[in-house]
Amino acid sequence: MASGRLGTPADLSAATLTTIYTVPADNFAVTSINILNRGASAATVRLALAATDTPTNAEYIEYDVSIPAKAVLERTGLVLAAGQKLVVYSDVTSVSVVAYGIETSAA
């Protein structure tokens, strides 16, 4: 069982899908995620709970949401099954992402 920071903090590349966390086999996780816009202008972001590194439309929980300069988007209480991934996207650089929470055995 792990707790604390689950996803490696990511400094996103512009216009690139980035998987920041994958739930290990035989586990589930309860997570929160912060997406921080460090830039001087708004960023447009996407967030998916996905089966693969390339989410389908149905897997997005945030899509083309605008985060103002120096602001944060936070989602809490996300429950992910074994193998599910947190996948994020930003249209600009200067966006940081961190996932934290707890993962535990599904058995």
C-alpha atoms as a PDB file:
ATOM      1  CA  MET A   1       0.000   0.000   0.000  1.00  0.00           C
ATOM      2  CA  ALA A   2       1.331   3.419  -0.969  1.00  0.00           C
ATOM      3  CA  SER A   3       0.149   6.834   0.118  1.00  0.00           C
ATOM      4  CA  GLY A   4       1.197  10.399  -0.460  1.00  0.00           C
ATOM      5  CA  ARG A   5       2.404  11.486  -3.862  1.00  0.00           C
ATOM      6  CA  LEU A   6       1.353   8.860  -6.393  1.00  0.00           C
ATOM      7  CA  GLY A   7       2.022  10.547  -9.712  1.00  0.00           C
ATOM      8  CA  THR A   8       5.427  11.836 -10.568  1.00  0.00           C
ATOM      9  CA  PRO A   9       5.128  15.597 -10.795  1.00  0.00           C
ATOM     10  CA  ALA A  10       4.987  16.428 -14.467  1.00  0.00           C
ATOM     11  CA  ASP A  11       5.999  19.639 -16.198  1.00  0.00           C
ATOM     12  CA  LEU A  12       3.823  19.174 -19.248  1.00  0.00           C
ATOM     13  CA  SER A  13       4.967  19.617 -22.811  1.00  0.00           C
ATOM     14  CA  ALA A  14       2.562  21.610 -24.954  1.00  0.00           C
ATOM     15  CA  ALA A  15      -0.020  19.657 -26.967  1.00  0.00           C
ATOM     16  CA  THR A  16       1.133  16.271 -25.629  1.00  0.00           C
ATOM     17  CA  LEU A  17      -0.819  13.632 -23.715  1.00  0.00           C
ATOM     18  CA  THR A  18       1.078  12.724 -20.533  1.00  0.00           C
ATOM     19  CA  THR A  19       0.321   9.765 -18.282  1.00  0.00           C
ATOM     20  CA  ILE A  20       1.264  10.762 -14.754  1.00  0.00           C
ATOM     21  CA  TYR A  21       0.028   7.715 -12.817  1.00  0.00           C
ATOM     22  CA  THR A  22      -1.042   4.127 -13.464  1.00  0.00           C
ATOM     23  CA  VAL A  23      -2.700   2.029 -10.756  1.00  0.00           C
ATOM     24  CA  PRO A  24      -0.686  -1.156 -10.162  1.00  0.00           C
ATOM     25  CA  ALA A  25      -2.239  -4.561 -10.873  1.00  0.00           C
ATOM     26  CA  ASP A  26      -4.432  -5.955  -8.077  1.00  0.00           C
ATOM     27  CA  ASN A  27      -4.816  -2.496  -6.521  1.00  0.00           C
ATOM     28  CA  PHE A  28      -7.184   0.422  -6.593  1.00  0.00           C
ATOM     29  CA  ALA A  29      -6.463   4.042  -5.756  1.00  0.00           C
ATOM     30  CA  VAL A  30      -8.250   7.048  -4.359  1.00  0.00           C
ATOM     31  CA  THR A  31      -6.522  10.115  -5.716  1.00  0.00           C
ATOM     32  CA  SER A  32      -6.598  13.852  -5.996  1.00  0.00           C
ATOM     33  CA  ILE A  33      -4.897  15.799  -8.743  1.00  0.00           C
ATOM     34  CA  ASN A  34      -3.699  19.381  -8.991  1.00  0.00           C
ATOM     35  CA  ILE A  35      -3.041  20.987 -12.353  1.00  0.00           C
ATOM     36  CA  LEU A  36      -1.186  24.278 -11.857  1.00  0.00           C
ATOM     37  CA  ASN A  37      -0.777  26.958 -14.512  1.00  0.00           C
ATOM     38  CA  ARG A  38       2.506  28.714 -13.673  1.00  0.00           C
ATOM     39  CA  GLY A  39       2.338  30.832 -16.813  1.00  0.00           C
ATOM     40  CA  ALA A  40       1.398  34.462 -17.457  1.00  0.00           C
ATOM     41  CA  SER A  41      -1.622  33.595 -19.634  1.00  0.00           C
ATOM     42  CA  ALA A  42      -4.464  31.069 -19.513  1.00  0.00           C
ATOM     43  CA  ALA A  43      -3.849  27.387 -20.220  1.00  0.00           C
ATOM     44  CA  THR A  44      -6.355  24.955 -21.702  1.00  0.00           C
ATOM     45  CA  VAL A  45      -6.179  21.501 -20.127  1.00  0.00           C
ATOM     46  CA  ARG A  46      -7.732  18.051 -20.310  1.00  0.00           C
ATOM     47  CA  LEU A  47      -7.881  15.264 -17.708  1.00  0.00           C
ATOM     48  CA  ALA A  48      -8.857  11.640 -18.302  1.00  0.00           C
ATOM     49  CA  LEU A  49      -9.248   8.475 -16.249  1.00  0.00           C
ATOM     50  CA  ALA A  50      -8.207   6.131 -19.022  1.00  0.00           C
ATOM     51  CA  ALA A  51      -7.518   2.489 -19.840  1.00  0.00           C
ATOM     52  CA  THR A  52      -4.616   3.430 -22.149  1.00  0.00           C
ATOM     53  CA  ASP A  53      -2.219   6.337 -22.659  1.00  0.00           C
ATOM     54  CA  THR A  54      -4.569   7.632 -25.372  1.00  0.00           C
ATOM     55  CA  PRO A  55      -7.984   8.334 -23.811  1.00  0.00           C
ATOM     56  CA  THR A  56     -11.263   7.896 -25.619  1.00  0.00           C
ATOM     57  CA  ASN A  57     -13.791  10.725 -25.544  1.00  0.00           C
ATOM     58  CA  ALA A  58     -15.795   8.905 -22.847  1.00  0.00           C
ATOM     59  CA  GLU A  59     -12.803   8.776 -20.472  1.00  0.00           C
ATOM     60  CA  TYR A  60     -12.307  12.536 -20.103  1.00  0.00           C
ATOM     61  CA  ILE A  61     -13.562  14.165 -16.910  1.00  0.00           C
ATOM     62  CA  GLU A  62     -12.254  17.619 -17.881  1.00  0.00           C
ATOM     63  CA  TYR A  63     -11.947  18.721 -21.506  1.00  0.00           C
ATOM     64  CA  ASP A  64     -10.549  22.034 -22.770  1.00  0.00           C
ATOM     65  CA  VAL A  65     -10.990  23.708 -19.398  1.00  0.00           C
ATOM     66  CA  SER A  66      -9.321  27.105 -19.112  1.00  0.00           C
ATOM     67  CA  ILE A  67      -7.059  27.646 -16.105  1.00  0.00           C
ATOM     68  CA  PRO A  68      -6.218  31.333 -15.606  1.00  0.00           C
ATOM     69  CA  ALA A  69      -2.610  32.454 -15.134  1.00  0.00           C
ATOM     70  CA  LYS A  70      -1.156  31.452 -11.757  1.00  0.00           C
ATOM     71  CA  ALA A  71      -4.246  29.355 -10.906  1.00  0.00           C
ATOM     72  CA  VAL A  72      -4.937  25.709 -10.155  1.00  0.00           C
ATOM     73  CA  LEU A  73      -7.542  23.117 -11.132  1.00  0.00           C
ATOM     74  CA  GLU A  74      -8.043  20.525  -8.391  1.00  0.00           C
ATOM     75  CA  ARG A  75     -10.072  17.319  -8.630  1.00  0.00           C
ATOM     76  CA  THR A  76     -10.485  15.200  -5.506  1.00  0.00           C
ATOM     77  CA  GLY A  77     -11.937  11.820  -4.625  1.00  0.00           C
ATOM     78  CA  LEU A  78     -11.059  10.137  -7.911  1.00  0.00           C
ATOM     79  CA  VAL A  79     -11.313   6.351  -7.591  1.00  0.00           C
ATOM     80  CA  LEU A  80      -9.304   4.338 -10.109  1.00  0.00           C
ATOM     81  CA  ALA A  81      -9.303   0.580 -10.702  1.00  0.00           C
ATOM     82  CA  ALA A  82      -6.256  -1.581 -11.368  1.00  0.00           C
ATOM     83  CA  GLY A  83      -4.551  -0.549 -14.584  1.00  0.00           C
ATOM     84  CA  GLN A  84      -6.373   2.780 -14.939  1.00  0.00           C
ATOM     85  CA  LYS A  85      -4.291   5.829 -15.778  1.00  0.00           C
ATOM     86  CA  LEU A  86      -4.427   9.553 -15.053  1.00  0.00           C
ATOM     87  CA  VAL A  87      -3.728  11.226 -18.391  1.00  0.00           C
ATOM     88  CA  VAL A  88      -3.353  14.992 -18.747  1.00  0.00           C
ATOM     89  CA  TYR A  89      -2.888  17.448 -21.610  1.00  0.00           C
ATOM     90  CA  SER A  90      -2.153  21.163 -21.861  1.00  0.00           C
ATOM     91  CA  ASP A  91      -2.051  23.443 -24.859  1.00  0.00           C
ATOM     92  CA  VAL A  92       0.955  25.329 -23.409  1.00  0.00           C
ATOM     93  CA  THR A  93       4.083  24.685 -21.365  1.00  0.00           C
ATOM     94  CA  SER A  94       4.434  26.015 -17.794  1.00  0.00           C
ATOM     95  CA  VAL A  95       1.735  23.663 -16.481  1.00  0.00           C
ATOM     96  CA  SER A  96       2.611  21.339 -13.595  1.00  0.00           C
ATOM     97  CA  VAL A  97       0.656  18.288 -12.456  1.00  0.00           C
ATOM     98  CA  VAL A  98       0.824  16.213  -9.283  1.00  0.00           C
ATOM     99  CA  ALA A  99      -1.398  13.329  -8.152  1.00  0.00           C
ATOM    100  CA  TYR A 100      -1.601  12.286  -4.533  1.00  0.00           C
ATOM    101  CA  GLY A 101      -3.683   9.892  -2.499  1.00  0.00           C
ATOM    102  CA  ILE A 102      -3.652   6.251  -1.486  1.00  0.00           C
ATOM    103  CA  GLU A 103      -3.457   2.947  -3.309  1.00  0.00           C
ATOM    104  CA  THR A 104      -4.411  -0.321  -1.700  1.00  0.00           C
ATOM    105  CA  SER A 105      -4.951  -3.969  -2.518  1.00  0.00           C
ATOM    106  CA  ALA A 106      -8.207  -4.783  -4.243  1.00  0.00           C
ATOM    107  CA  ALA A 107      -8.189  -8.281  -2.684  1.00  0.00           C
END
